[in-house]
Amino acid sequence: MTASPETTDPFEWFGRWFDRACAEIDANPDAMSLASVAPGGQPSIRQVLLKDFGPEGFVFYTNYNSRKARELDAHPAVALTWYWRGIERQIRVEGLAERVDAATSDAYFATRSRPSQLGAWASLQSQPLPSPDALAERMAQFEQKFRDQDVPRPPHWGGYRVVPTRIEFWEGAAHRLHERWIFEREDATSPWEITQIFP
């Protein structure tokens, strides 16, 4: 096991591992598990896609009327996990989720394909689907509504940023003698404390 961390900046460390995953993992290296807390304390988990990261945190986008968004708004404590089996690395994050500003959501929405933009309007995410054709019908409605014009970002769609207070880097090793490093801080303005822990 190494006697010192790869770097004392966890976002730099994340960037190195994420770049390698993007280079070597074919299927969605940006996919991450997002765990939130449902009413009554029930854990709730799903896969979302990482769209940006940096010293401020990790960003993904969703429908603000979805189940996940309702849970995040009511109880912002969350956890993220990336596991890249092909390179035997895992990163775990714990922190608080907050909505990104409208300008950030607008800028990202503008990069999406037109069908994806229309889908953000058409999908009543997490609500019951009354018939198999209902989504296609709504897509057609919004295709007509925004014909020959740019598709604006729906007011009910945007980003969240997970601001971490704990980040764990796990690297697999023979005989399950894995390497684990923990970065912890009180809040976003506090310095990181770094600890190596037993596998």
Protein backbone atom coordinates (compact mmCIF):
# COMPACT_ATOMS: atom_id res chain seq x y z
CA MET A 1 0.00 0.00 0.00
CA THR A 2 1.20 3.53 -0.70
CA ALA A 3 2.27 5.69 2.21
CA SER A 4 0.81 8.90 0.80
CA PRO A 5 -2.28 9.84 -1.22
CA GLU A 6 -2.06 10.28 -4.98
CA THR A 7 -2.72 14.01 -4.46
CA THR A 8 -4.00 16.20 -1.62
CA ASP A 9 -6.71 17.65 -3.89
CA PRO A 10 -9.63 15.19 -4.14
CA PHE A 11 -11.05 16.88 -7.24
CA GLU A 12 -7.73 16.53 -9.03
CA TRP A 13 -7.65 12.88 -7.97
CA PHE A 14 -11.20 12.39 -9.20
CA GLY A 15 -10.30 14.00 -12.52
CA ARG A 16 -7.38 11.64 -13.08
CA TRP A 17 -9.47 8.55 -12.38
CA PHE A 18 -12.44 9.83 -14.37
CA ASP A 19 -10.24 10.55 -17.38
CA ARG A 20 -8.86 7.02 -17.26
CA ALA A 21 -12.36 5.56 -16.93
CA CYS A 22 -13.52 7.58 -19.95
CA ALA A 23 -10.53 6.28 -21.93
CA GLU A 24 -10.90 2.62 -20.96
CA ILE A 25 -14.56 1.98 -20.07
CA ASP A 26 -16.92 1.65 -23.05
CA ALA A 27 -20.32 1.83 -21.35
CA ASN A 28 -21.20 5.09 -19.61
CA PRO A 29 -18.17 5.84 -17.45
CA ASP A 30 -20.08 8.97 -16.39
CA ALA A 31 -22.88 6.89 -14.82
CA MET A 32 -23.10 7.27 -11.07
CA SER A 33 -25.42 5.92 -8.40
CA LEU A 34 -27.30 8.67 -6.61
CA ALA A 35 -28.76 7.80 -3.20
CA SER A 36 -31.31 10.10 -1.61
CA VAL A 37 -33.67 9.88 1.35
CA ALA A 38 -37.37 9.32 0.74
CA PRO A 39 -40.11 10.33 3.18
CA GLY A 40 -39.89 8.34 6.38
CA GLY A 41 -36.16 7.79 5.96
CA GLN A 42 -36.35 5.10 3.27
CA PRO A 43 -33.16 5.08 1.14
CA SER A 44 -33.78 5.62 -2.57
CA ILE A 45 -31.16 5.00 -5.27
CA ARG A 46 -30.87 5.29 -9.04
CA GLN A 47 -28.33 5.89 -11.82
CA VAL A 48 -27.78 9.39 -13.20
CA LEU A 49 -25.09 10.87 -15.46
CA LEU A 50 -22.33 13.16 -14.27
CA LYS A 51 -22.29 16.26 -16.47
CA ASP A 52 -19.72 18.47 -14.74
CA PHE A 53 -17.42 18.51 -11.76
CA GLY A 54 -14.89 20.78 -10.10
CA PRO A 55 -14.00 22.28 -6.73
CA GLU A 56 -17.65 23.25 -6.18
CA GLY A 57 -18.95 19.69 -6.56
CA PHE A 58 -20.54 17.18 -8.94
CA VAL A 59 -23.38 18.20 -11.28
CA PHE A 60 -26.23 16.25 -12.88
CA TYR A 61 -29.56 17.26 -14.43
CA THR A 62 -33.14 16.13 -13.99
CA ASN A 63 -36.81 17.06 -13.96
CA TYR A 64 -37.51 19.10 -10.82
CA ASN A 65 -40.91 17.39 -10.51
CA SER A 66 -39.36 13.90 -10.44
CA ARG A 67 -39.26 11.71 -7.39
CA LYS A 68 -35.53 12.22 -6.99
CA ALA A 69 -35.85 16.00 -7.13
CA ARG A 70 -38.65 16.04 -4.58
CA GLU A 71 -36.50 13.94 -2.27
CA LEU A 72 -33.43 16.16 -2.77
CA ASP A 73 -35.39 19.34 -2.12
CA ALA A 74 -36.90 17.92 1.07
CA HIS A 75 -33.74 16.24 2.37
CA PRO A 76 -30.54 17.34 0.58
CA ALA A 77 -28.19 14.80 2.20
CA VAL A 78 -27.10 12.44 -0.59
CA ALA A 79 -24.43 9.94 -1.63
CA LEU A 80 -22.85 9.17 -5.01
CA THR A 81 -20.88 6.14 -6.17
CA TRP A 82 -18.89 5.36 -9.32
CA TYR A 83 -17.63 1.82 -9.76
CA TRP A 84 -15.46 1.07 -12.77
CA ARG A 85 -14.94 -2.68 -12.76
CA GLY A 86 -12.65 -2.63 -15.78
CA ILE A 87 -10.04 -0.60 -13.90
CA GLU A 88 -10.88 -1.83 -10.37
CA ARG A 89 -11.63 1.61 -8.97
CA GLN A 90 -14.51 3.04 -6.98
CA ILE A 91 -15.24 6.54 -5.73
CA ARG A 92 -17.83 7.31 -3.05
CA VAL A 93 -19.10 10.79 -2.24
CA GLU A 94 -21.29 12.05 0.60
CA GLY A 95 -22.57 15.61 0.81
CA LEU A 96 -25.46 17.99 0.24
CA ALA A 97 -27.35 18.57 -3.01
CA GLU A 98 -28.31 22.06 -4.13
CA ARG A 99 -29.89 23.37 -7.32
CA VAL A 100 -27.52 25.05 -9.75
CA ASP A 101 -28.42 28.54 -10.95
CA ALA A 102 -30.69 29.05 -13.96
CA ALA A 103 -27.86 30.29 -16.19
CA THR A 104 -25.91 27.06 -15.62
CA SER A 105 -28.96 24.94 -16.41
CA ASP A 106 -29.69 27.05 -19.51
CA ALA A 107 -26.13 26.64 -20.79
CA TYR A 108 -26.17 22.87 -20.41
CA PHE A 109 -29.69 22.50 -21.85
CA ALA A 110 -28.55 24.31 -24.99
CA THR A 111 -25.95 21.56 -25.61
CA ARG A 112 -28.51 18.75 -25.61
CA SER A 113 -29.85 17.26 -28.82
CA ARG A 114 -33.18 18.64 -29.99
CA PRO A 115 -35.03 15.33 -29.30
CA SER A 116 -33.63 15.35 -25.75
CA GLN A 117 -34.72 18.96 -25.32
CA LEU A 118 -38.22 18.11 -26.50
CA GLY A 119 -38.25 15.06 -24.25
CA ALA A 120 -37.63 17.29 -21.23
CA TRP A 121 -40.90 19.05 -22.06
CA ALA A 122 -42.83 15.90 -22.98
CA SER A 123 -41.97 13.65 -20.04
CA LEU A 124 -43.94 14.05 -16.85
CA GLN A 125 -41.14 12.24 -15.07
CA SER A 126 -42.15 9.84 -12.28
CA GLN A 127 -45.90 10.37 -12.93
CA PRO A 128 -48.17 7.53 -14.08
CA LEU A 129 -48.20 6.92 -17.86
CA PRO A 130 -51.89 6.66 -18.87
CA SER A 131 -51.23 4.75 -22.10
CA PRO A 132 -48.26 3.47 -24.15
CA ASP A 133 -48.90 6.23 -26.71
CA ALA A 134 -49.12 9.12 -24.26
CA LEU A 135 -45.42 10.02 -24.35
CA ALA A 136 -45.25 9.92 -28.15
CA GLU A 137 -48.34 12.12 -28.32
CA ARG A 138 -46.79 14.66 -25.98
CA MET A 139 -43.56 14.63 -28.01
CA ALA A 140 -45.56 15.40 -31.13
CA GLN A 141 -47.33 18.26 -29.36
CA PHE A 142 -44.07 19.90 -28.36
CA GLU A 143 -42.48 19.27 -31.75
CA GLN A 144 -45.33 21.30 -33.19
CA LYS A 145 -45.18 23.96 -30.47
CA PHE A 146 -41.47 24.63 -31.01
CA ARG A 147 -41.38 24.07 -34.77
CA ASP A 148 -38.84 26.35 -36.50
CA GLN A 149 -37.51 27.77 -33.25
CA ASP A 150 -35.01 26.90 -30.54
CA VAL A 151 -36.36 24.80 -27.69
CA PRO A 152 -36.17 26.73 -24.42
CA ARG A 153 -35.33 25.03 -21.15
CA PRO A 154 -38.47 24.01 -19.28
CA PRO A 155 -38.84 25.79 -15.92
CA HIS A 156 -39.27 22.38 -14.29
CA TRP A 157 -35.92 21.04 -15.55
CA GLY A 158 -32.40 21.82 -14.34
CA GLY A 159 -29.32 20.80 -12.47
CA TYR A 160 -28.20 19.82 -9.00
CA ARG A 161 -24.73 20.10 -7.60
CA VAL A 162 -23.60 17.69 -4.89
CA VAL A 163 -21.22 19.57 -2.61
CA PRO A 164 -19.11 16.88 -0.94
CA THR A 165 -18.08 16.63 2.70
CA ARG A 166 -16.61 13.13 2.30
CA ILE A 167 -14.90 11.48 -0.67
CA GLU A 168 -13.46 7.97 -0.65
CA PHE A 169 -11.08 6.59 -3.27
CA TRP A 170 -10.97 2.78 -3.45
CA GLU A 171 -8.57 0.83 -5.62
CA GLY A 172 -8.73 -2.94 -5.87
CA ALA A 173 -5.72 -5.09 -5.03
CA ALA A 174 -4.86 -8.79 -4.82
CA HIS A 175 -6.17 -10.85 -1.91
CA ARG A 176 -8.73 -8.09 -1.15
CA LEU A 177 -5.98 -5.90 0.32
CA HIS A 178 -7.55 -2.90 -1.33
CA GLU A 179 -6.31 0.66 -0.97
CA ARG A 180 -8.69 3.23 0.51
CA TRP A 181 -8.22 6.95 1.11
CA ILE A 182 -10.77 9.22 2.78
CA PHE A 183 -11.09 13.01 2.38
CA GLU A 184 -13.38 14.62 4.97
CA ARG A 185 -14.35 18.18 5.87
CA GLU A 186 -16.99 19.91 7.98
CA ASP A 187 -18.43 21.97 5.12
CA ALA A 188 -17.51 23.49 1.76
CA THR A 189 -15.29 26.14 3.34
CA SER A 190 -13.34 23.77 5.61
CA PRO A 191 -9.98 22.18 4.77
CA TRP A 192 -9.85 18.50 3.87
CA GLU A 193 -8.55 15.94 6.37
CA ILE A 194 -6.98 12.92 4.67
CA THR A 195 -6.92 9.42 6.15
CA GLN A 196 -5.91 6.03 4.80
CA ILE A 197 -8.14 3.26 6.15
CA PHE A 198 -8.07 -0.52 6.28
CA PRO A 199 -9.70 -2.32 3.34
